[in-house]
mmCIF file of all heavy atoms, coordinates in Angstrom:
data_MODEL
# 
_entry.id   MODEL 
# 
loop_
_atom_site.group_PDB 
_atom_site.id 
_atom_site.type_symbol 
_atom_site.label_atom_id 
_atom_site.label_alt_id 
_atom_site.label_comp_id 
_atom_site.label_asym_id 
_atom_site.label_entity_id 
_atom_site.label_seq_id 
_atom_site.pdbx_PDB_ins_code 
_atom_site.Cartn_x 
_atom_site.Cartn_y 
_atom_site.Cartn_z 
_atom_site.occupancy 
_atom_site.B_iso_or_equiv 
_atom_site.pdbx_formal_charge 
_atom_site.auth_seq_id 
_atom_site.auth_comp_id 
_atom_site.auth_asym_id 
_atom_site.auth_atom_id 
_atom_site.pdbx_PDB_model_num 
ATOM 1   N N   . GLU A 1 1  ? -0.430 -11.812 11.147  1.00 0.00 ? 1  GLU A N   1 
ATOM 2   C CA  . GLU A 1 1  ? -1.764 -12.161 10.693  1.00 0.00 ? 1  GLU A CA  1 
ATOM 3   C C   . GLU A 1 1  ? -2.451 -10.948 10.052  1.00 0.00 ? 1  GLU A C   1 
ATOM 4   O O   . GLU A 1 1  ? -2.493 -9.871  10.614  1.00 0.00 ? 1  GLU A O   1 
ATOM 5   C CB  . GLU A 1 1  ? -2.621 -12.664 11.859  1.00 0.00 ? 1  GLU A CB  1 
ATOM 6   C CG  . GLU A 1 1  ? -2.149 -13.989 12.449  1.00 0.00 ? 1  GLU A CG  1 
ATOM 7   C CD  . GLU A 1 1  ? -0.999 -13.849 13.434  1.00 0.00 ? 1  GLU A CD  1 
ATOM 8   O OE1 . GLU A 1 1  ? -0.648 -12.678 13.773  1.00 0.00 ? 1  GLU A OE1 1 
ATOM 9   O OE2 . GLU A 1 1  ? -0.434 -14.872 13.855  1.00 0.00 ? 1  GLU A OE2 1 
ATOM 10  N N   . GLY A 1 2  ? -3.000 -11.159 8.881   1.00 0.00 ? 2  GLY A N   1 
ATOM 11  C CA  . GLY A 1 2  ? -3.682 -10.091 8.177   1.00 0.00 ? 2  GLY A CA  1 
ATOM 12  C C   . GLY A 1 2  ? -2.760 -9.170  7.406   1.00 0.00 ? 2  GLY A C   1 
ATOM 13  O O   . GLY A 1 2  ? -3.226 -8.294  6.669   1.00 0.00 ? 2  GLY A O   1 
ATOM 14  N N   . LEU A 1 3  ? -1.463 -9.337  7.551   1.00 0.00 ? 3  LEU A N   1 
ATOM 15  C CA  . LEU A 1 3  ? -0.498 -8.471  6.886   1.00 0.00 ? 3  LEU A CA  1 
ATOM 16  C C   . LEU A 1 3  ? 0.315  -9.212  5.837   1.00 0.00 ? 3  LEU A C   1 
ATOM 17  O O   . LEU A 1 3  ? 0.536  -8.710  4.728   1.00 0.00 ? 3  LEU A O   1 
ATOM 18  C CB  . LEU A 1 3  ? 0.434  -7.851  7.927   1.00 0.00 ? 3  LEU A CB  1 
ATOM 19  C CG  . LEU A 1 3  ? 1.479  -6.857  7.430   1.00 0.00 ? 3  LEU A CG  1 
ATOM 20  C CD1 . LEU A 1 3  ? 0.796  -5.644  6.803   1.00 0.00 ? 3  LEU A CD1 1 
ATOM 21  C CD2 . LEU A 1 3  ? 2.378  -6.410  8.579   1.00 0.00 ? 3  LEU A CD2 1 
ATOM 22  N N   . VAL A 1 4  ? 0.756  -10.422 6.180   1.00 0.00 ? 4  VAL A N   1 
ATOM 23  C CA  . VAL A 1 4  ? 1.670  -11.148 5.299   1.00 0.00 ? 4  VAL A CA  1 
ATOM 24  C C   . VAL A 1 4  ? 0.989  -11.567 4.002   1.00 0.00 ? 4  VAL A C   1 
ATOM 25  O O   . VAL A 1 4  ? 1.581  -11.474 2.919   1.00 0.00 ? 4  VAL A O   1 
ATOM 26  C CB  . VAL A 1 4  ? 2.274  -12.357 6.035   1.00 0.00 ? 4  VAL A CB  1 
ATOM 27  C CG1 . VAL A 1 4  ? 3.053  -13.242 5.066   1.00 0.00 ? 4  VAL A CG1 1 
ATOM 28  C CG2 . VAL A 1 4  ? 3.193  -11.887 7.158   1.00 0.00 ? 4  VAL A CG2 1 
ATOM 29  N N   . ALA A 1 5  ? -0.259 -12.025 4.063   1.00 0.00 ? 5  ALA A N   1 
ATOM 30  C CA  . ALA A 1 5  ? -0.929 -12.505 2.851   1.00 0.00 ? 5  ALA A CA  1 
ATOM 31  C C   . ALA A 1 5  ? -1.045 -11.414 1.783   1.00 0.00 ? 5  ALA A C   1 
ATOM 32  O O   . ALA A 1 5  ? -0.671 -11.646 0.622   1.00 0.00 ? 5  ALA A O   1 
ATOM 33  C CB  . ALA A 1 5  ? -2.301 -13.087 3.197   1.00 0.00 ? 5  ALA A CB  1 
ATOM 34  N N   . PRO A 1 6  ? -1.548 -10.205 2.099   1.00 0.00 ? 6  PRO A N   1 
ATOM 35  C CA  . PRO A 1 6  ? -1.583 -9.170  1.062   1.00 0.00 ? 6  PRO A CA  1 
ATOM 36  C C   . PRO A 1 6  ? -0.200 -8.679  0.651   1.00 0.00 ? 6  PRO A C   1 
ATOM 37  O O   . PRO A 1 6  ? 0.001  -8.272  -0.499  1.00 0.00 ? 6  PRO A O   1 
ATOM 38  C CB  . PRO A 1 6  ? -2.408 -8.047  1.695   1.00 0.00 ? 6  PRO A CB  1 
ATOM 39  C CG  . PRO A 1 6  ? -2.379 -8.304  3.163   1.00 0.00 ? 6  PRO A CG  1 
ATOM 40  C CD  . PRO A 1 6  ? -2.261 -9.786  3.313   1.00 0.00 ? 6  PRO A CD  1 
ATOM 41  N N   . LEU A 1 7  ? 0.758  -8.737  1.558   1.00 0.00 ? 7  LEU A N   1 
ATOM 42  C CA  . LEU A 1 7  ? 2.122  -8.355  1.199   1.00 0.00 ? 7  LEU A CA  1 
ATOM 43  C C   . LEU A 1 7  ? 2.691  -9.343  0.173   1.00 0.00 ? 7  LEU A C   1 
ATOM 44  O O   . LEU A 1 7  ? 3.293  -8.948  -0.832  1.00 0.00 ? 7  LEU A O   1 
ATOM 45  C CB  . LEU A 1 7  ? 2.987  -8.308  2.471   1.00 0.00 ? 7  LEU A CB  1 
ATOM 46  C CG  . LEU A 1 7  ? 4.312  -7.564  2.394   1.00 0.00 ? 7  LEU A CG  1 
ATOM 47  C CD1 . LEU A 1 7  ? 4.736  -7.137  3.794   1.00 0.00 ? 7  LEU A CD1 1 
ATOM 48  C CD2 . LEU A 1 7  ? 5.412  -8.420  1.800   1.00 0.00 ? 7  LEU A CD2 1 
ATOM 49  N N   . ARG A 1 8  ? 2.463  -10.635 0.426   1.00 0.00 ? 8  ARG A N   1 
ATOM 50  C CA  . ARG A 1 8  ? 2.897  -11.661 -0.535  1.00 0.00 ? 8  ARG A CA  1 
ATOM 51  C C   . ARG A 1 8  ? 2.209  -11.470 -1.879  1.00 0.00 ? 8  ARG A C   1 
ATOM 52  O O   . ARG A 1 8  ? 2.845  -11.554 -2.932  1.00 0.00 ? 8  ARG A O   1 
ATOM 53  C CB  . ARG A 1 8  ? 2.564  -13.054 0.001   1.00 0.00 ? 8  ARG A CB  1 
ATOM 54  C CG  . ARG A 1 8  ? 3.446  -13.546 1.124   1.00 0.00 ? 8  ARG A CG  1 
ATOM 55  C CD  . ARG A 1 8  ? 2.915  -14.887 1.650   1.00 0.00 ? 8  ARG A CD  1 
ATOM 56  N NE  . ARG A 1 8  ? 2.855  -15.855 0.572   1.00 0.00 ? 8  ARG A NE  1 
ATOM 57  C CZ  . ARG A 1 8  ? 3.839  -16.699 0.259   1.00 0.00 ? 8  ARG A CZ  1 
ATOM 58  N NH1 . ARG A 1 8  ? 4.938  -16.694 0.971   1.00 0.00 ? 8  ARG A NH1 1 
ATOM 59  N NH2 . ARG A 1 8  ? 3.708  -17.549 -0.732  1.00 0.00 ? 8  ARG A NH2 1 
ATOM 60  N N   . ALA A 1 9  ? 0.902  -11.218 -1.856  1.00 0.00 ? 9  ALA A N   1 
ATOM 61  C CA  . ALA A 1 9  ? 0.154  -11.042 -3.099  1.00 0.00 ? 9  ALA A CA  1 
ATOM 62  C C   . ALA A 1 9  ? 0.693  -9.872  -3.913  1.00 0.00 ? 9  ALA A C   1 
ATOM 63  O O   . ALA A 1 9  ? 0.688  -9.904  -5.149  1.00 0.00 ? 9  ALA A O   1 
ATOM 64  C CB  . ALA A 1 9  ? -1.324 -10.832 -2.789  1.00 0.00 ? 9  ALA A CB  1 
ATOM 65  N N   . ALA A 1 10 ? 1.160  -8.836  -3.222  1.00 0.00 ? 10 ALA A N   1 
ATOM 66  C CA  . ALA A 1 10 ? 1.709  -7.671  -3.914  1.00 0.00 ? 10 ALA A CA  1 
ATOM 67  C C   . ALA A 1 10 ? 3.081  -7.944  -4.504  1.00 0.00 ? 10 ALA A C   1 
ATOM 68  O O   . ALA A 1 10 ? 3.460  -7.332  -5.520  1.00 0.00 ? 10 ALA A O   1 
ATOM 69  C CB  . ALA A 1 10 ? 1.783  -6.481  -2.956  1.00 0.00 ? 10 ALA A CB  1 
ATOM 70  N N   . LEU A 1 11 ? 3.855  -8.848  -3.913  1.00 0.00 ? 11 LEU A N   1 
ATOM 71  C CA  . LEU A 1 11 ? 5.235  -9.066  -4.331  1.00 0.00 ? 11 LEU A CA  1 
ATOM 72  C C   . LEU A 1 11 ? 5.448  -10.302 -5.199  1.00 0.00 ? 11 LEU A C   1 
ATOM 73  O O   . LEU A 1 11 ? 6.420  -10.356 -5.955  1.00 0.00 ? 11 LEU A O   1 
ATOM 74  C CB  . LEU A 1 11 ? 6.141  -9.161  -3.095  1.00 0.00 ? 11 LEU A CB  1 
ATOM 75  C CG  . LEU A 1 11 ? 6.431  -7.825  -2.429  1.00 0.00 ? 11 LEU A CG  1 
ATOM 76  C CD1 . LEU A 1 11 ? 7.045  -8.032  -1.052  1.00 0.00 ? 11 LEU A CD1 1 
ATOM 77  C CD2 . LEU A 1 11 ? 7.366  -6.983  -3.302  1.00 0.00 ? 11 LEU A CD2 1 
ATOM 78  N N   . GLU A 1 12 ? 4.589  -11.297 -5.097  1.00 0.00 ? 12 GLU A N   1 
ATOM 79  C CA  . GLU A 1 12 ? 4.822  -12.535 -5.847  1.00 0.00 ? 12 GLU A CA  1 
ATOM 80  C C   . GLU A 1 12 ? 4.864  -12.325 -7.365  1.00 0.00 ? 12 GLU A C   1 
ATOM 81  O O   . GLU A 1 12 ? 5.665  -12.980 -8.042  1.00 0.00 ? 12 GLU A O   1 
ATOM 82  C CB  . GLU A 1 12 ? 3.786  -13.581 -5.458  1.00 0.00 ? 12 GLU A CB  1 
ATOM 83  C CG  . GLU A 1 12 ? 4.113  -14.223 -4.103  1.00 0.00 ? 12 GLU A CG  1 
ATOM 84  C CD  . GLU A 1 12 ? 3.074  -15.224 -3.642  1.00 0.00 ? 12 GLU A CD  1 
ATOM 85  O OE1 . GLU A 1 12 ? 1.920  -15.148 -4.116  1.00 0.00 ? 12 GLU A OE1 1 
ATOM 86  O OE2 . GLU A 1 12 ? 3.433  -16.073 -2.806  1.00 0.00 ? 12 GLU A OE2 1 
ATOM 87  N N   . PRO A 1 13 ? 4.053  -11.427 -7.950  1.00 0.00 ? 13 PRO A N   1 
ATOM 88  C CA  . PRO A 1 13 ? 4.205  -11.185 -9.395  1.00 0.00 ? 13 PRO A CA  1 
ATOM 89  C C   . PRO A 1 13 ? 5.595  -10.669 -9.766  1.00 0.00 ? 13 PRO A C   1 
ATOM 90  O O   . PRO A 1 13 ? 6.164  -11.075 -10.787 1.00 0.00 ? 13 PRO A O   1 
ATOM 91  C CB  . PRO A 1 13 ? 3.125  -10.147 -9.696  1.00 0.00 ? 13 PRO A CB  1 
ATOM 92  C CG  . PRO A 1 13 ? 2.092  -10.366 -8.653  1.00 0.00 ? 13 PRO A CG  1 
ATOM 93  C CD  . PRO A 1 13 ? 2.863  -10.724 -7.410  1.00 0.00 ? 13 PRO A CD  1 
ATOM 94  N N   . ALA A 1 14 ? 6.155  -9.787  -8.951  1.00 0.00 ? 14 ALA A N   1 
ATOM 95  C CA  . ALA A 1 14 ? 7.499  -9.276  -9.226  1.00 0.00 ? 14 ALA A CA  1 
ATOM 96  C C   . ALA A 1 14 ? 8.541  -10.373 -9.093  1.00 0.00 ? 14 ALA A C   1 
ATOM 97  O O   . ALA A 1 14 ? 9.504  -10.431 -9.880  1.00 0.00 ? 14 ALA A O   1 
ATOM 98  C CB  . ALA A 1 14 ? 7.819  -8.123  -8.279  1.00 0.00 ? 14 ALA A CB  1 
ATOM 99  N N   . VAL A 1 15 ? 8.355  -11.264 -8.120  1.00 0.00 ? 15 VAL A N   1 
ATOM 100 C CA  . VAL A 1 15 ? 9.280  -12.388 -7.975  1.00 0.00 ? 15 VAL A CA  1 
ATOM 101 C C   . VAL A 1 15 ? 9.172  -13.308 -9.184  1.00 0.00 ? 15 VAL A C   1 
ATOM 102 O O   . VAL A 1 15 ? 10.188 -13.770 -9.738  1.00 0.00 ? 15 VAL A O   1 
ATOM 103 C CB  . VAL A 1 15 ? 8.990  -13.152 -6.666  1.00 0.00 ? 15 VAL A CB  1 
ATOM 104 C CG1 . VAL A 1 15 ? 9.839  -14.420 -6.588  1.00 0.00 ? 15 VAL A CG1 1 
ATOM 105 C CG2 . VAL A 1 15 ? 9.270  -12.258 -5.459  1.00 0.00 ? 15 VAL A CG2 1 
ATOM 106 N N   . ALA A 1 16 ? 7.946  -13.584 -9.632  1.00 0.00 ? 16 ALA A N   1 
ATOM 107 C CA  . ALA A 1 16 ? 7.743  -14.447 -10.797 1.00 0.00 ? 16 ALA A CA  1 
ATOM 108 C C   . ALA A 1 16 ? 8.357  -13.837 -12.058 1.00 0.00 ? 16 ALA A C   1 
ATOM 109 O O   . ALA A 1 16 ? 8.874  -14.559 -12.918 1.00 0.00 ? 16 ALA A O   1 
ATOM 110 C CB  . ALA A 1 16 ? 6.253  -14.696 -10.999 1.00 0.00 ? 16 ALA A CB  1 
ATOM 111 N N   . GLN A 1 17 ? 8.300  -12.517 -12.174 1.00 0.00 ? 17 GLN A N   1 
ATOM 112 C CA  . GLN A 1 17 ? 8.858  -11.833 -13.343 1.00 0.00 ? 17 GLN A CA  1 
ATOM 113 C C   . GLN A 1 17 ? 10.351 -11.543 -13.192 1.00 0.00 ? 17 GLN A C   1 
ATOM 114 O O   . GLN A 1 17 ? 10.963 -10.949 -14.080 1.00 0.00 ? 17 GLN A O   1 
ATOM 115 C CB  . GLN A 1 17 ? 8.101  -10.526 -13.569 1.00 0.00 ? 17 GLN A CB  1 
ATOM 116 C CG  . GLN A 1 17 ? 6.640  -10.718 -13.938 1.00 0.00 ? 17 GLN A CG  1 
ATOM 117 C CD  . GLN A 1 17 ? 5.824  -9.444  -13.812 1.00 0.00 ? 17 GLN A CD  1 
ATOM 118 O OE1 . GLN A 1 17 ? 6.377  -8.351  -13.696 1.00 0.00 ? 17 GLN A OE1 1 
ATOM 119 N NE2 . GLN A 1 17 ? 4.502  -9.577  -13.816 1.00 0.00 ? 17 GLN A NE2 1 
ATOM 120 N N   . GLU A 1 18 ? 10.902 -11.945 -12.044 1.00 0.00 ? 18 GLU A N   1 
ATOM 121 C CA  . GLU A 1 18 ? 12.332 -11.801 -11.745 1.00 0.00 ? 18 GLU A CA  1 
ATOM 122 C C   . GLU A 1 18 ? 12.785 -10.344 -11.692 1.00 0.00 ? 18 GLU A C   1 
ATOM 123 O O   . GLU A 1 18 ? 13.942 -10.037 -11.927 1.00 0.00 ? 18 GLU A O   1 
ATOM 124 C CB  . GLU A 1 18 ? 13.170 -12.599 -12.744 1.00 0.00 ? 18 GLU A CB  1 
ATOM 125 C CG  . GLU A 1 18 ? 12.879 -14.098 -12.706 1.00 0.00 ? 18 GLU A CG  1 
ATOM 126 C CD  . GLU A 1 18 ? 13.776 -14.904 -13.631 1.00 0.00 ? 18 GLU A CD  1 
ATOM 127 O OE1 . GLU A 1 18 ? 14.498 -14.295 -14.455 1.00 0.00 ? 18 GLU A OE1 1 
ATOM 128 O OE2 . GLU A 1 18 ? 13.757 -16.144 -13.527 1.00 0.00 ? 18 GLU A OE2 1 
ATOM 129 N N   . THR A 1 19 ? 11.844 -9.440  -11.363 1.00 0.00 ? 19 THR A N   1 
ATOM 130 C CA  . THR A 1 19 ? 12.252 -8.067  -11.075 1.00 0.00 ? 19 THR A CA  1 
ATOM 131 C C   . THR A 1 19 ? 12.535 -7.877  -9.593  1.00 0.00 ? 19 THR A C   1 
ATOM 132 O O   . THR A 1 19 ? 13.032 -6.827  -9.177  1.00 0.00 ? 19 THR A O   1 
ATOM 133 C CB  . THR A 1 19 ? 11.157 -7.076  -11.514 1.00 0.00 ? 19 THR A CB  1 
ATOM 134 O OG1 . THR A 1 19 ? 9.930  -7.392  -10.845 1.00 0.00 ? 19 THR A OG1 1 
ATOM 135 C CG2 . THR A 1 19 ? 10.943 -7.152  -13.024 1.00 0.00 ? 19 THR A CG2 1 
ATOM 136 N N   . CYS A 1 20 ? 12.193 -8.893  -8.794  1.00 0.00 ? 20 CYS A N   1 
ATOM 137 C CA  . CYS A 1 20 ? 12.495 -8.933  -7.370  1.00 0.00 ? 20 CYS A CA  1 
ATOM 138 C C   . CYS A 1 20 ? 12.917 -10.365 -7.043  1.00 0.00 ? 20 CYS A C   1 
ATOM 139 O O   . CYS A 1 20 ? 12.243 -11.311 -7.487  1.00 0.00 ? 20 CYS A O   1 
ATOM 140 C CB  . CYS A 1 20 ? 11.271 -8.538  -6.549  1.00 0.00 ? 20 CYS A CB  1 
ATOM 141 S SG  . CYS A 1 20 ? 11.479 -8.640  -4.736  1.00 0.00 ? 20 CYS A SG  1 
ATOM 142 N N   . PRO A 1 21 ? 14.002 -10.573 -6.330  1.00 0.00 ? 21 PRO A N   1 
ATOM 143 C CA  . PRO A 1 21 ? 14.414 -11.939 -6.013  1.00 0.00 ? 21 PRO A CA  1 
ATOM 144 C C   . PRO A 1 21 ? 13.507 -12.566 -4.958  1.00 0.00 ? 21 PRO A C   1 
ATOM 145 O O   . PRO A 1 21 ? 12.852 -11.864 -4.180  1.00 0.00 ? 21 PRO A O   1 
ATOM 146 C CB  . PRO A 1 21 ? 15.826 -11.751 -5.456  1.00 0.00 ? 21 PRO A CB  1 
ATOM 147 C CG  . PRO A 1 21 ? 15.809 -10.388 -4.857  1.00 0.00 ? 21 PRO A CG  1 
ATOM 148 C CD  . PRO A 1 21 ? 14.918 -9.569  -5.753  1.00 0.00 ? 21 PRO A CD  1 
ATOM 149 N N   . ALA A 1 22 ? 13.446 -13.894 -4.951  1.00 0.00 ? 22 ALA A N   1 
ATOM 150 C CA  . ALA A 1 22 ? 12.792 -14.587 -3.840  1.00 0.00 ? 22 ALA A CA  1 
ATOM 151 C C   . ALA A 1 22 ? 13.515 -14.217 -2.548  1.00 0.00 ? 22 ALA A C   1 
ATOM 152 O O   . ALA A 1 22 ? 14.727 -13.977 -2.542  1.00 0.00 ? 22 ALA A O   1 
ATOM 153 C CB  . ALA A 1 22 ? 12.841 -16.085 -4.064  1.00 0.00 ? 22 ALA A CB  1 
ATOM 154 N N   . PHE A 1 23 ? 12.770 -14.159 -1.446  1.00 0.00 ? 23 PHE A N   1 
ATOM 155 C CA  . PHE A 1 23 ? 13.386 -13.778 -0.178  1.00 0.00 ? 23 PHE A CA  1 
ATOM 156 C C   . PHE A 1 23 ? 12.639 -14.420 0.974   1.00 0.00 ? 23 PHE A C   1 
ATOM 157 O O   . PHE A 1 23 ? 11.486 -14.844 0.835   1.00 0.00 ? 23 PHE A O   1 
ATOM 158 C CB  . PHE A 1 23 ? 13.413 -12.251 -0.014  1.00 0.00 ? 23 PHE A CB  1 
ATOM 159 C CG  . PHE A 1 23 ? 12.057 -11.605 0.076   1.00 0.00 ? 23 PHE A CG  1 
ATOM 160 C CD1 . PHE A 1 23 ? 11.458 -11.341 1.305   1.00 0.00 ? 23 PHE A CD1 1 
ATOM 161 C CD2 . PHE A 1 23 ? 11.360 -11.257 -1.074  1.00 0.00 ? 23 PHE A CD2 1 
ATOM 162 C CE1 . PHE A 1 23 ? 10.210 -10.750 1.394   1.00 0.00 ? 23 PHE A CE1 1 
ATOM 163 C CE2 . PHE A 1 23 ? 10.107 -10.650 -1.001  1.00 0.00 ? 23 PHE A CE2 1 
ATOM 164 C CZ  . PHE A 1 23 ? 9.532  -10.396 0.230   1.00 0.00 ? 23 PHE A CZ  1 
ATOM 165 N N   . LEU A 1 24 ? 13.304 -14.490 2.115   1.00 0.00 ? 24 LEU A N   1 
ATOM 166 C CA  . LEU A 1 24 ? 12.674 -14.970 3.333   1.00 0.00 ? 24 LEU A CA  1 
ATOM 167 C C   . LEU A 1 24 ? 12.163 -13.774 4.110   1.00 0.00 ? 24 LEU A C   1 
ATOM 168 O O   . LEU A 1 24 ? 12.913 -12.836 4.400   1.00 0.00 ? 24 LEU A O   1 
ATOM 169 C CB  . LEU A 1 24 ? 13.659 -15.768 4.181   1.00 0.00 ? 24 LEU A CB  1 
ATOM 170 C CG  . LEU A 1 24 ? 13.039 -16.478 5.394   1.00 0.00 ? 24 LEU A CG  1 
ATOM 171 C CD1 . LEU A 1 24 ? 12.149 -17.630 4.943   1.00 0.00 ? 24 LEU A CD1 1 
ATOM 172 C CD2 . LEU A 1 24 ? 14.120 -16.980 6.352   1.00 0.00 ? 24 LEU A CD2 1 
ATOM 173 N N   . LEU A 1 25 ? 10.885 -13.813 4.445   1.00 0.00 ? 25 LEU A N   1 
ATOM 174 C CA  . LEU A 1 25 ? 10.248 -12.775 5.253   1.00 0.00 ? 25 LEU A CA  1 
ATOM 175 C C   . LEU A 1 25 ? 10.117 -13.307 6.676   1.00 0.00 ? 25 LEU A C   1 
ATOM 176 O O   . LEU A 1 25 ? 9.629  -14.418 6.879   1.00 0.00 ? 25 LEU A O   1 
ATOM 177 C CB  . LEU A 1 25 ? 8.870  -12.447 4.679   1.00 0.00 ? 25 LEU A CB  1 
ATOM 178 C CG  . LEU A 1 25 ? 8.066  -11.345 5.363   1.00 0.00 ? 25 LEU A CG  1 
ATOM 179 C CD1 . LEU A 1 25 ? 8.736  -9.995  5.192   1.00 0.00 ? 25 LEU A CD1 1 
ATOM 180 C CD2 . LEU A 1 25 ? 6.642  -11.310 4.799   1.00 0.00 ? 25 LEU A CD2 1 
# 
């Protein structure tokens, strides 16, 4: 709680741009 949401927000653009693969956290 309080950690995953900003972590996702930081990584989802990279996943969308395919510079980082989708992953299970």
